[in-house]
Structures are given as structure tokens and as C-alpha cells.
C-alpha atoms as a PDB file:
ATOM      1  CA  MET A   1      12.317  -2.863  31.861  1.00  0.00           C
ATOM      2  CA  ARG A   2      12.574   0.410  29.944  1.00  0.00           C
ATOM      3  CA  LYS A   3      15.145  -1.077  27.601  1.00  0.00           C
ATOM      4  CA  ARG A   4      12.875  -4.010  26.822  1.00  0.00           C
ATOM      5  CA  THR A   5       9.937  -1.726  26.097  1.00  0.00           C
ATOM      6  CA  PHE A   6      12.156   0.322  23.791  1.00  0.00           C
ATOM      7  CA  VAL A   7      13.098  -2.836  21.880  1.00  0.00           C
ATOM      8  CA  LEU A   8       9.417  -3.718  21.575  1.00  0.00           C
ATOM      9  CA  GLY A   9       8.732  -0.260  20.194  1.00  0.00           C
ATOM     10  CA  ILE A  10      11.477  -0.494  17.577  1.00  0.00           C
ATOM     11  CA  SER A  11      10.172  -3.909  16.482  1.00  0.00           C
ATOM     12  CA  ALA A  12       6.668  -2.543  16.091  1.00  0.00           C
ATOM     13  CA  VAL A  13       7.815   0.602  14.282  1.00  0.00           C
ATOM     14  CA  THR A  14       9.757  -1.492  11.765  1.00  0.00           C
ATOM     15  CA  THR A  15       6.695  -3.702  11.254  1.00  0.00           C
ATOM     16  CA  VAL A  16       4.429  -0.679  10.776  1.00  0.00           C
ATOM     17  CA  LEU A  17       6.771   1.070   8.340  1.00  0.00           C
ATOM     18  CA  SER A  18       7.164  -2.130   6.338  1.00  0.00           C
ATOM     19  CA  ALA A  19       3.388  -2.441   6.228  1.00  0.00           C
ATOM     20  CA  LEU A  20       3.021   1.191   5.141  1.00  0.00           C
ATOM     21  CA  ILE A  21       5.569   0.880   2.358  1.00  0.00           C
ATOM     22  CA  PHE A  22       3.916  -2.361   1.276  1.00  0.00           C
ATOM     23  CA  ALA A  23       0.367  -1.081   1.739  1.00  0.00           C
ATOM     24  CA  GLY A  24       0.345  -0.347  -1.917  1.00  0.00           C
ATOM     25  CA  SER A  25      -0.083   2.526  -4.210  1.00  0.00           C
ATOM     26  CA  ALA A  26      -2.437   5.247  -3.089  1.00  0.00           C
ATOM     27  CA  ALA A  27      -4.301   4.726  -6.376  1.00  0.00           C
ATOM     28  CA  ALA A  28      -4.425   0.908  -6.445  1.00  0.00           C
ATOM     29  CA  ALA A  29      -7.902  -0.630  -6.657  1.00  0.00           C
ATOM     30  CA  THR A  30      -8.855  -1.899  -3.192  1.00  0.00           C
ATOM     31  CA  PRO A  31      -7.918  -4.490  -1.973  1.00  0.00           C
ATOM     32  CA  LEU A  32      -4.949  -4.741  -4.368  1.00  0.00           C
ATOM     33  CA  VAL A  33      -1.427  -3.562  -3.610  1.00  0.00           C
ATOM     34  CA  THR A  34      -0.517  -3.472  -7.320  1.00  0.00           C
ATOM     35  CA  ASP A  35      -1.720  -0.437  -9.263  1.00  0.00           C
ATOM     36  CA  ASP A  36      -3.110  -0.403 -12.814  1.00  0.00           C
ATOM     37  CA  THR A  37      -2.677   2.124 -15.621  1.00  0.00           C
ATOM     38  CA  GLY A  38      -6.252   3.405 -15.473  1.00  0.00           C
ATOM     39  CA  THR A  39      -6.919   7.129 -15.046  1.00  0.00           C
ATOM     40  CA  GLN A  40     -10.093   9.045 -14.206  1.00  0.00           C
ATOM     41  CA  GLY A  41     -10.410  11.243 -17.289  1.00  0.00           C
ATOM     42  CA  LYS A  42     -10.301  15.022 -17.537  1.00  0.00           C
ATOM     43  CA  GLY A  43     -12.260  16.817 -14.815  1.00  0.00           C
ATOM     44  CA  LYS A  44     -13.346  13.635 -13.002  1.00  0.00           C
ATOM     45  CA  PHE A  45     -12.792  12.708  -9.347  1.00  0.00           C
ATOM     46  CA  GLN A  46     -12.374   9.544  -7.333  1.00  0.00           C
ATOM     47  CA  VAL A  47     -12.592   9.212  -3.548  1.00  0.00           C
ATOM     48  CA  GLU A  48     -11.357   6.075  -1.809  1.00  0.00           C
ATOM     49  CA  LEU A  49     -11.766   5.178   1.864  1.00  0.00           C
ATOM     50  CA  PHE A  50      -9.404   2.342   2.748  1.00  0.00           C
ATOM     51  CA  GLY A  51      -8.620   0.314   5.858  1.00  0.00           C
ATOM     52  CA  GLU A  52      -6.205  -2.458   6.794  1.00  0.00           C
ATOM     53  CA  TYR A  53      -5.675  -4.456   9.986  1.00  0.00           C
ATOM     54  CA  GLY A  54      -2.472  -6.484  10.295  1.00  0.00           C
ATOM     55  CA  HIS A  55      -1.394  -9.098  12.849  1.00  0.00           C
ATOM     56  CA  ASP A  56       2.185 -10.344  13.153  1.00  0.00           C
ATOM     57  CA  LYS A  57       3.890 -12.606  15.698  1.00  0.00           C
ATOM     58  CA  GLU A  58       7.681 -12.744  15.964  1.00  0.00           C
ATOM     59  CA  GLU A  59       9.082 -15.026  18.675  1.00  0.00           C
ATOM     60  CA  ARG A  60       7.346 -13.779  21.862  1.00  0.00           C
ATOM     61  CA  VAL A  61       6.388 -10.371  20.466  1.00  0.00           C
ATOM     62  CA  THR A  62       2.957  -9.726  18.954  1.00  0.00           C
ATOM     63  CA  ASN A  63       2.533  -6.715  16.665  1.00  0.00           C
ATOM     64  CA  LYS A  64      -0.816  -5.310  15.586  1.00  0.00           C
ATOM     65  CA  ASN A  65      -1.305  -2.372  13.245  1.00  0.00           C
ATOM     66  CA  SER A  66      -4.306  -0.581  11.810  1.00  0.00           C
ATOM     67  CA  ASP A  67      -4.221   1.800   8.867  1.00  0.00           C
ATOM     68  CA  LEU A  68      -6.989   4.053   7.594  1.00  0.00           C
ATOM     69  CA  SER A  69      -6.653   6.407   4.646  1.00  0.00           C
ATOM     70  CA  ALA A  70      -8.683   8.797   2.530  1.00  0.00           C
ATOM     71  CA  THR A  71      -7.470   9.242  -1.052  1.00  0.00           C
ATOM     72  CA  LEU A  72      -8.612  11.866  -3.561  1.00  0.00           C
ATOM     73  CA  THR A  73      -7.801  11.460  -7.264  1.00  0.00           C
ATOM     74  CA  TYR A  74      -8.401  14.144  -9.900  1.00  0.00           C
ATOM     75  CA  GLY A  75      -8.096  13.786 -13.672  1.00  0.00           C
ATOM     76  CA  VAL A  76      -6.074  16.742 -14.943  1.00  0.00           C
ATOM     77  CA  ILE A  77      -6.364  15.526 -18.530  1.00  0.00           C
ATOM     78  CA  ASP A  78      -7.468  12.127 -19.827  1.00  0.00           C
ATOM     79  CA  PRO A  79      -4.121  10.323 -19.347  1.00  0.00           C
ATOM     80  CA  ILE A  80      -2.905  12.188 -16.220  1.00  0.00           C
ATOM     81  CA  ASP A  81      -4.165  11.950 -12.629  1.00  0.00           C
ATOM     82  CA  ILE A  82      -3.094  13.754  -9.467  1.00  0.00           C
ATOM     83  CA  VAL A  83      -3.495  11.732  -6.248  1.00  0.00           C
ATOM     84  CA  ILE A  84      -3.439  12.913  -2.612  1.00  0.00           C
ATOM     85  CA  SER A  85      -3.671  10.402   0.244  1.00  0.00           C
ATOM     86  CA  ALA A  86      -3.977  11.175   3.969  1.00  0.00           C
ATOM     87  CA  PRO A  87      -3.423   8.231   6.369  1.00  0.00           C
ATOM     88  CA  TYR A  88      -4.216   7.557  10.022  1.00  0.00           C
ATOM     89  CA  GLN A  89      -2.251   4.789  11.734  1.00  0.00           C
ATOM     90  CA  ALA A  90      -2.258   2.887  15.006  1.00  0.00           C
ATOM     91  CA  TRP A  91       0.120   0.178  16.235  1.00  0.00           C
ATOM     92  CA  ARG A  92       0.606  -1.948  19.330  1.00  0.00           C
ATOM     93  CA  SER A  93       3.424  -4.301  20.322  1.00  0.00           C
ATOM     94  CA  ASP A  94       3.490  -6.556  23.389  1.00  0.00           C
ATOM     95  CA  ASP A  95       5.123  -9.675  24.815  1.00  0.00           C
ATOM     96  CA  SER A  96       2.686 -10.174  27.760  1.00  0.00           C
ATOM     97  CA  GLU A  97       5.030  -8.221  30.063  1.00  0.00           C
ATOM     98  CA  ASN A  98       5.488  -4.918  28.262  1.00  0.00           C
ATOM     99  CA  VAL A  99       3.383  -2.904  25.850  1.00  0.00           C
ATOM    100  CA  ALA A 100       4.406  -0.208  23.369  1.00  0.00           C
ATOM    101  CA  LYS A 101       1.914   1.604  21.170  1.00  0.00           C
ATOM    102  CA  GLY A 102       1.268   4.688  19.102  1.00  0.00           C
ATOM    103  CA  ASP A 103      -1.406   6.255  16.930  1.00  0.00           C
ATOM    104  CA  GLY A 104      -1.988   9.384  14.900  1.00  0.00           C
ATOM    105  CA  ILE A 105      -1.760  10.988  11.470  1.00  0.00           C
ATOM    106  CA  GLY A 106       0.808   9.448   9.113  1.00  0.00           C
ATOM    107  CA  ASP A 107       2.828  10.923   6.252  1.00  0.00           C
ATOM    108  CA  LEU A 108       0.802  12.610   3.489  1.00  0.00           C
ATOM    109  CA  ALA A 109       1.400  11.120   0.008  1.00  0.00           C
ATOM    110  CA  ILE A 110       1.142  12.971  -3.321  1.00  0.00           C
ATOM    111  CA  GLU A 111       1.381  11.171  -6.673  1.00  0.00           C
ATOM    112  CA  ALA A 112       0.938  11.811 -10.384  1.00  0.00           C
ATOM    113  CA  LYS A 113       0.060   9.009 -12.801  1.00  0.00           C
ATOM    114  CA  TRP A 114       0.698   9.460 -16.525  1.00  0.00           C
ATOM    115  CA  ARG A 115      -0.488   6.813 -18.963  1.00  0.00           C
ATOM    116  CA  VAL A 116       2.063   7.128 -21.754  1.00  0.00           C
ATOM    117  CA  TYR A 117       0.890   4.270 -24.005  1.00  0.00           C
ATOM    118  CA  ASP A 118      -2.487   2.652 -24.667  1.00  0.00           C
ATOM    119  CA  LYS A 119      -3.106   0.432 -27.676  1.00  0.00           C
ATOM    120  CA  GLU A 120      -4.813  -2.904 -28.377  1.00  0.00           C
ATOM    121  CA  GLY A 121      -5.401  -3.745 -24.721  1.00  0.00           C
ATOM    122  CA  LEU A 122      -1.841  -2.974 -23.610  1.00  0.00           C
ATOM    123  CA  SER A 123      -1.122   0.185 -21.636  1.00  0.00           C
ATOM    124  CA  VAL A 124       1.894   1.615 -19.832  1.00  0.00           C
ATOM    125  CA  ALA A 125       2.107   4.332 -17.176  1.00  0.00           C
ATOM    126  CA  VAL A 126       4.693   6.022 -15.007  1.00  0.00           C
ATOM    127  CA  LYS A 127       3.880   7.306 -11.539  1.00  0.00           C
ATOM    128  CA  PRO A 128       6.221   9.532  -9.537  1.00  0.00           C
ATOM    129  CA  GLY A 129       5.294  10.408  -5.977  1.00  0.00           C
ATOM    130  CA  PHE A 130       6.552  11.656  -2.641  1.00  0.00           C
ATOM    131  CA  THR A 131       5.531  11.726   1.004  1.00  0.00           C
ATOM    132  CA  ILE A 132       5.557  14.724   3.338  1.00  0.00           C
ATOM    133  CA  PRO A 133       6.622  14.003   6.964  1.00  0.00           C
ATOM    134  CA  THR A 134       3.332  14.952   8.610  1.00  0.00           C
ATOM    135  CA  GLY A 135       3.468  11.901  10.917  1.00  0.00           C
ATOM    136  CA  ASP A 136       5.312  11.761  14.249  1.00  0.00           C
ATOM    137  CA  GLU A 137       8.364   9.577  13.574  1.00  0.00           C
ATOM    138  CA  GLY A 138       8.994   9.329  17.323  1.00  0.00           C
ATOM    139  CA  GLU A 139       5.669   7.503  17.618  1.00  0.00           C
ATOM    140  CA  GLY A 140       6.419   5.256  14.638  1.00  0.00           C
ATOM    141  CA  LEU A 141       3.951   7.105  12.411  1.00  0.00           C
ATOM    142  CA  GLY A 142       6.240   8.400   9.690  1.00  0.00           C
ATOM    143  CA  ALA A 143       9.703   8.525   8.170  1.00  0.00           C
ATOM    144  CA  GLY A 144      10.630  11.921   9.607  1.00  0.00           C
ATOM    145  CA  ARG A 145      11.820  13.102   6.191  1.00  0.00           C
ATOM    146  CA  ILE A 146      10.505  13.541   2.659  1.00  0.00           C
ATOM    147  CA  THR A 147      10.577  10.259   0.742  1.00  0.00           C
ATOM    148  CA  TYR A 148      10.008   9.811  -2.969  1.00  0.00           C
ATOM    149  CA  TYR A 149       9.409   7.006  -5.435  1.00  0.00           C
ATOM    150  CA  LEU A 150       8.874   6.175  -9.091  1.00  0.00           C
ATOM    151  CA  TYR A 151       6.590   3.397 -10.360  1.00  0.00           C
ATOM    152  CA  PHE A 152       6.537   1.769 -13.781  1.00  0.00           C
ATOM    153  CA  ILE A 153       3.112   0.209 -14.455  1.00  0.00           C
ATOM    154  CA  ALA A 154       1.969  -2.056 -17.277  1.00  0.00           C
ATOM    155  CA  SER A 155      -1.556  -3.432 -17.786  1.00  0.00           C
ATOM    156  CA  LYS A 156      -2.963  -5.933 -20.287  1.00  0.00           C
ATOM    157  CA  GLU A 157      -6.660  -6.564 -20.916  1.00  0.00           C
ATOM    158  CA  ILE A 158      -7.685  -9.941 -22.365  1.00  0.00           C
ATOM    159  CA  ASP A 159     -11.447 -10.527 -22.645  1.00  0.00           C
ATOM    160  CA  THR A 160     -12.790 -10.611 -19.056  1.00  0.00           C
ATOM    161  CA  LYS A 161      -9.317 -10.754 -17.495  1.00  0.00           C
ATOM    162  CA  SER A 162      -6.708  -8.122 -16.767  1.00  0.00           C
ATOM    163  CA  PHE A 163      -3.085  -8.342 -15.668  1.00  0.00           C
ATOM    164  CA  HIS A 164      -0.914  -5.693 -14.032  1.00  0.00           C
ATOM    165  CA  ILE A 165       2.807  -5.386 -13.301  1.00  0.00           C
ATOM    166  CA  ASN A 166       4.467  -2.811 -11.029  1.00  0.00           C
ATOM    167  CA  LEU A 167       8.202  -2.105 -10.785  1.00  0.00           C
ATOM    168  CA  ALA A 168       9.350   0.683  -8.488  1.00  0.00           C
ATOM    169  CA  TYR A 169      12.293   2.443  -6.905  1.00  0.00           C
ATOM    170  CA  ILE A 170      11.672   3.941  -3.459  1.00  0.00           C
ATOM    171  CA  ARG A 171      14.004   6.468  -1.851  1.00  0.00           C
ATOM    172  CA  ASN A 172      13.166   5.697   1.776  1.00  0.00           C
ATOM    173  CA  ASP A 173      14.849   8.683   3.404  1.00  0.00           C
ATOM    174  CA  ASN A 174      14.259   8.395   7.164  1.00  0.00           C
ATOM    175  CA  THR A 175      15.527   9.166  10.662  1.00  0.00           C
ATOM    176  CA  MET A 176      15.474   5.557  11.936  1.00  0.00           C
ATOM    177  CA  ASP A 177      18.551   4.114  10.212  1.00  0.00           C
ATOM    178  CA  GLU A 178      16.494   2.055   7.779  1.00  0.00           C
ATOM    179  CA  ARG A 179      17.651   1.204   4.284  1.00  0.00           C
ATOM    180  CA  LYS A 180      17.183   4.191   2.015  1.00  0.00           C
ATOM    181  CA  ASP A 181      17.358   2.592  -1.435  1.00  0.00           C
ATOM    182  CA  MET A 182      14.527   0.124  -1.938  1.00  0.00           C
ATOM    183  CA  TRP A 183      12.983  -1.773  -4.840  1.00  0.00           C
ATOM    184  CA  HIS A 184       9.495  -3.156  -5.331  1.00  0.00           C
ATOM    185  CA  ALA A 185       7.992  -5.625  -7.807  1.00  0.00           C
ATOM    186  CA  SER A 186       4.441  -6.969  -7.890  1.00  0.00           C
ATOM    187  CA  PHE A 187       1.924  -8.666 -10.159  1.00  0.00           C
ATOM    188  CA  ALA A 188      -1.872  -8.690  -9.993  1.00  0.00           C
ATOM    189  CA  ALA A 189      -4.669 -10.292 -11.981  1.00  0.00           C
ATOM    190  CA  THR A 190      -8.431  -9.753 -12.030  1.00  0.00           C
ATOM    191  CA  VAL A 191     -11.198 -11.906 -13.496  1.00  0.00           C
ATOM    192  CA  ASN A 192     -14.823 -10.883 -14.029  1.00  0.00           C
ATOM    193  CA  LEU A 193     -16.922 -13.557 -12.334  1.00  0.00           C
ATOM    194  CA  LEU A 194     -20.161 -11.656 -12.925  1.00  0.00           C
ATOM    195  CA  LYS A 195     -21.070  -8.304 -14.448  1.00  0.00           C
ATOM    196  CA  ASN A 196     -20.477  -6.533 -11.137  1.00  0.00           C
ATOM    197  CA  LEU A 197     -18.112  -8.945  -9.329  1.00  0.00           C
ATOM    198  CA  LYS A 198     -14.359  -9.460  -9.809  1.00  0.00           C
ATOM    199  CA  LEU A 199     -11.995 -12.028  -8.337  1.00  0.00           C
ATOM    200  CA  VAL A 200      -8.555 -10.498  -7.700  1.00  0.00           C
ATOM    201  CA  GLY A 201      -5.121 -11.844  -6.826  1.00  0.00           C
ATOM    202  CA  ASP A 202      -1.814 -10.147  -6.087  1.00  0.00           C
ATOM    203  CA  VAL A 203       1.762 -11.161  -5.225  1.00  0.00           C
ATOM    204  CA  GLY A 204       4.776  -8.965  -4.538  1.00  0.00           C
ATOM    205  CA  ILE A 205       8.284  -8.605  -3.150  1.00  0.00           C
ATOM    206  CA  GLU A 206      10.221  -5.628  -1.837  1.00  0.00           C
ATOM    207  CA  THR A 207      13.533  -4.684  -0.238  1.00  0.00           C
ATOM    208  CA  ASN A 208      13.455  -5.055   3.549  1.00  0.00           C
ATOM    209  CA  PRO A 209      13.825  -1.613   5.199  1.00  0.00           C
ATOM    210  CA  ASP A 210      15.407  -3.277   8.264  1.00  0.00           C
ATOM    211  CA  ARG A 211      19.209  -3.151   7.854  1.00  0.00           C
ATOM    212  CA  SER A 212      19.644  -6.126  10.205  1.00  0.00           C
ATOM    213  CA  SER A 213      17.732  -8.460   7.862  1.00  0.00           C
ATOM    214  CA  THR A 214      18.378  -9.556   4.288  1.00  0.00           C
ATOM    215  CA  THR A 215      15.038 -11.374   3.986  1.00  0.00           C
ATOM    216  CA  PRO A 216      12.685  -9.426   1.705  1.00  0.00           C
ATOM    217  CA  PRO A 217       8.993  -9.071   2.593  1.00  0.00           C
ATOM    218  CA  VAL A 218       6.941 -11.219   0.209  1.00  0.00           C
ATOM    219  CA  TYR A 219       3.133 -11.284   0.196  1.00  0.00           C
ATOM    220  CA  VAL A 220       0.246 -12.994  -1.540  1.00  0.00           C
ATOM    221  CA  LEU A 221      -3.278 -11.577  -1.628  1.00  0.00           C
ATOM    222  CA  GLY A 222      -6.710 -12.732  -2.673  1.00  0.00           C
ATOM    223  CA  GLY A 223      -9.992 -10.861  -2.683  1.00  0.00           C
ATOM    224  CA  LEU A 224     -13.127  -9.597  -4.385  1.00  0.00           C
ATOM    225  CA  ILE A 225     -14.318  -6.304  -5.847  1.00  0.00           C
ATOM    226  CA  TYR A 226     -18.089  -5.807  -5.907  1.00  0.00           C
ATOM    227  CA  SER A 227     -19.615  -2.928  -7.884  1.00  0.00           C
ATOM    228  CA  PRO A 228     -23.255  -2.350  -6.859  1.00  0.00           C
ATOM    229  CA  ARG A 229     -23.293   0.677  -9.174  1.00  0.00           C
ATOM    230  CA  GLU A 230     -21.197   1.758 -12.145  1.00  0.00           C
ATOM    231  CA  ASN A 231     -19.235   4.357 -10.169  1.00  0.00           C
ATOM    232  CA  TRP A 232     -19.152   2.614  -6.806  1.00  0.00           C
ATOM    233  CA  ASP A 233     -16.820  -0.249  -5.791  1.00  0.00           C
ATOM    234  CA  ILE A 234     -16.468  -2.243  -2.582  1.00  0.00           C
ATOM    235  CA  GLY A 235     -13.249  -4.226  -2.189  1.00  0.00           C
ATOM    236  CA  LEU A 236     -12.242  -6.806   0.413  1.00  0.00           C
ATOM    237  CA  GLY A 237      -9.191  -9.035   0.580  1.00  0.00           C
ATOM    238  CA  VAL A 238      -6.791 -11.030   2.745  1.00  0.00           C
ATOM    239  CA  LYS A 239      -3.015 -10.561   2.477  1.00  0.00           C
ATOM    240  CA  GLY A 240      -0.638 -13.171   3.858  1.00  0.00           C
ATOM    241  CA  GLY A 241       3.111 -13.033   4.415  1.00  0.00           C
ATOM    242  CA  LEU A 242       5.239 -15.634   2.631  1.00  0.00           C
ATOM    243  CA  THR A 243       8.406 -14.639   4.515  1.00  0.00           C
ATOM    244  CA  HIS A 244       8.869 -13.852   8.207  1.00  0.00           C
ATOM    245  CA  SER A 245       9.714 -10.217   7.410  1.00  0.00           C
ATOM    246  CA  GLU A 246       6.224  -9.632   5.990  1.00  0.00           C
ATOM    247  CA  THR A 247       3.168  -9.192   8.244  1.00  0.00           C
ATOM    248  CA  ASP A 248       1.692 -12.644   8.925  1.00  0.00           C
ATOM    249  CA  ILE A 249      -1.845 -11.751   7.912  1.00  0.00           C
ATOM    250  CA  ALA A 250      -3.773  -8.597   7.090  1.00  0.00           C
ATOM    251  CA  LEU A 251      -7.380  -7.799   6.207  1.00  0.00           C
ATOM    252  CA  ARG A 252      -7.805  -5.047   3.596  1.00  0.00           C
ATOM    253  CA  GLY A 253     -10.986  -3.343   2.503  1.00  0.00           C
ATOM    254  CA  GLY A 254     -12.474  -0.130   1.278  1.00  0.00           C
ATOM    255  CA  ILE A 255     -15.079   1.793  -0.690  1.00  0.00           C
ATOM    256  CA  THR A 256     -14.400   3.774  -3.864  1.00  0.00           C
ATOM    257  CA  PHE A 257     -16.625   6.462  -5.426  1.00  0.00           C
ATOM    258  CA  ARG A 258     -16.123   8.080  -8.843  1.00  0.00           C
ATOM    259  CA  PHE A 259     -17.895  11.221 -10.044  1.00  0.00           C
END
């Protein structure tokens, strides 16, 4: 029985880590996974409170994970932001006979976004970042080691529409024998339906961290961003897995304040 529970735990941990890697950039506009090139401007702040609940069923095992995070962004100068994100995670895995679960603080993430080009509606940014192993890897709440990544971001504004592309390399250093060299690609689009309401869509693919699988996680997402005030956004979306290695379905939402 202990062996079976251990297997359940490993399955859930892999699901949670995949979800965390694929949760998106700390600076992405909720509910999107894909980031844009926008920065806050010198001396300005942004605070984002984000949450996601994911449900995944694999054979007889059901995995559930919840992620909450608080992200602070500060504009060092107009084209450069510093981002700090602190997550809290909880997961549960069961097959009606055994249950494995864990919850607690995850790995702290620190990023810097630099918009290097901005002309005629086209902008380009680079975003290096790293995570600090503040989460308990034994509980499935972190990698156990420092990880780092580099994002290339391009955005294009056309009238009331915007389009964003992310390409990234992720050095997934870890203590759980997962793949360490990973790649990510995603595309998002937003359309202004009303002055304060946007329709958003997102699709992406990434290397599977599980060494036993060659199937990459692929997702599709749809949602809305409502802005009741100029510096206040509320985002809500649904993310679905297009491959079995991606979480079947997840609800994503959050509130963003700028000041």
C-alpha cells in the first residue's frame, strides 16, 4: 500500500510541476499564460493577485491542484521592470483507495523585463528570470534547486487587437530526475469588445518535464479581461489540455492593480 501511495504522489508532483512551469509568466496579464512587452514605466508599481484550480484524470488517478500567487512589479526605468512573485500551492492525488497530498509555499520567482524595441505598433522584449527553492520539494512544492529561464517576447498592436508571441528556454534544474533543458512557445491575442472589456485567447506548447514521456503539454485558453477602472483589471479564463500530458482543465483568474 505504501508503494502505491508513493506512485500516486509522484504522479501528482509531476502534474503540479508541469502546471507550475506552464502557469505562465509572473508578469503575464491574467488569465493569459503568454506575456506581452508592456512595462509599467519609471517609478510605477503593479500588484497582481492570481489563482488557478486544475483538475486532471489519468487512468484511475485523479489529480487536483490549486495555485495562488502575489506578484509585485516595479518600473526601474520606462522600458525595464523588475518582477517578484511569491506562490502558494496545494495538490491532491487519489485513486479512491489511496490519497497523497501536499500544500505550502512554492519557489519564489524573480524576473526582469527589458523592452528593447518599440516602433509603429511592433515591440520586442527579453525577460530573464530565476526561481529560488523556497518550496519543499519533498512535498511536491518546488524544484529543490535554483532554476532559470530566458524569454523572448514580441507584441504587435493593430487597431483594437493585439498579438503576442513568447519563445523561451527553461533550465529546469531539479532533484526529481525531471528533464532539465526545456523549451516553451506560445501565442496570444486580445480583442477590445468594449472600452473596458477584452476577449483573450492563448495557445502554447512546452517540453514535457517527465522523462518517461515524449508527449509535450499543449494547452488552449479563452477568457475575458474587465477593467472597471483605468488602473484596475479583473481577468478570468478557462485553460484546457490538448494532450494527455497537460492538465485536463483549469480555471484561472485574478485582480491587477497599477499605481
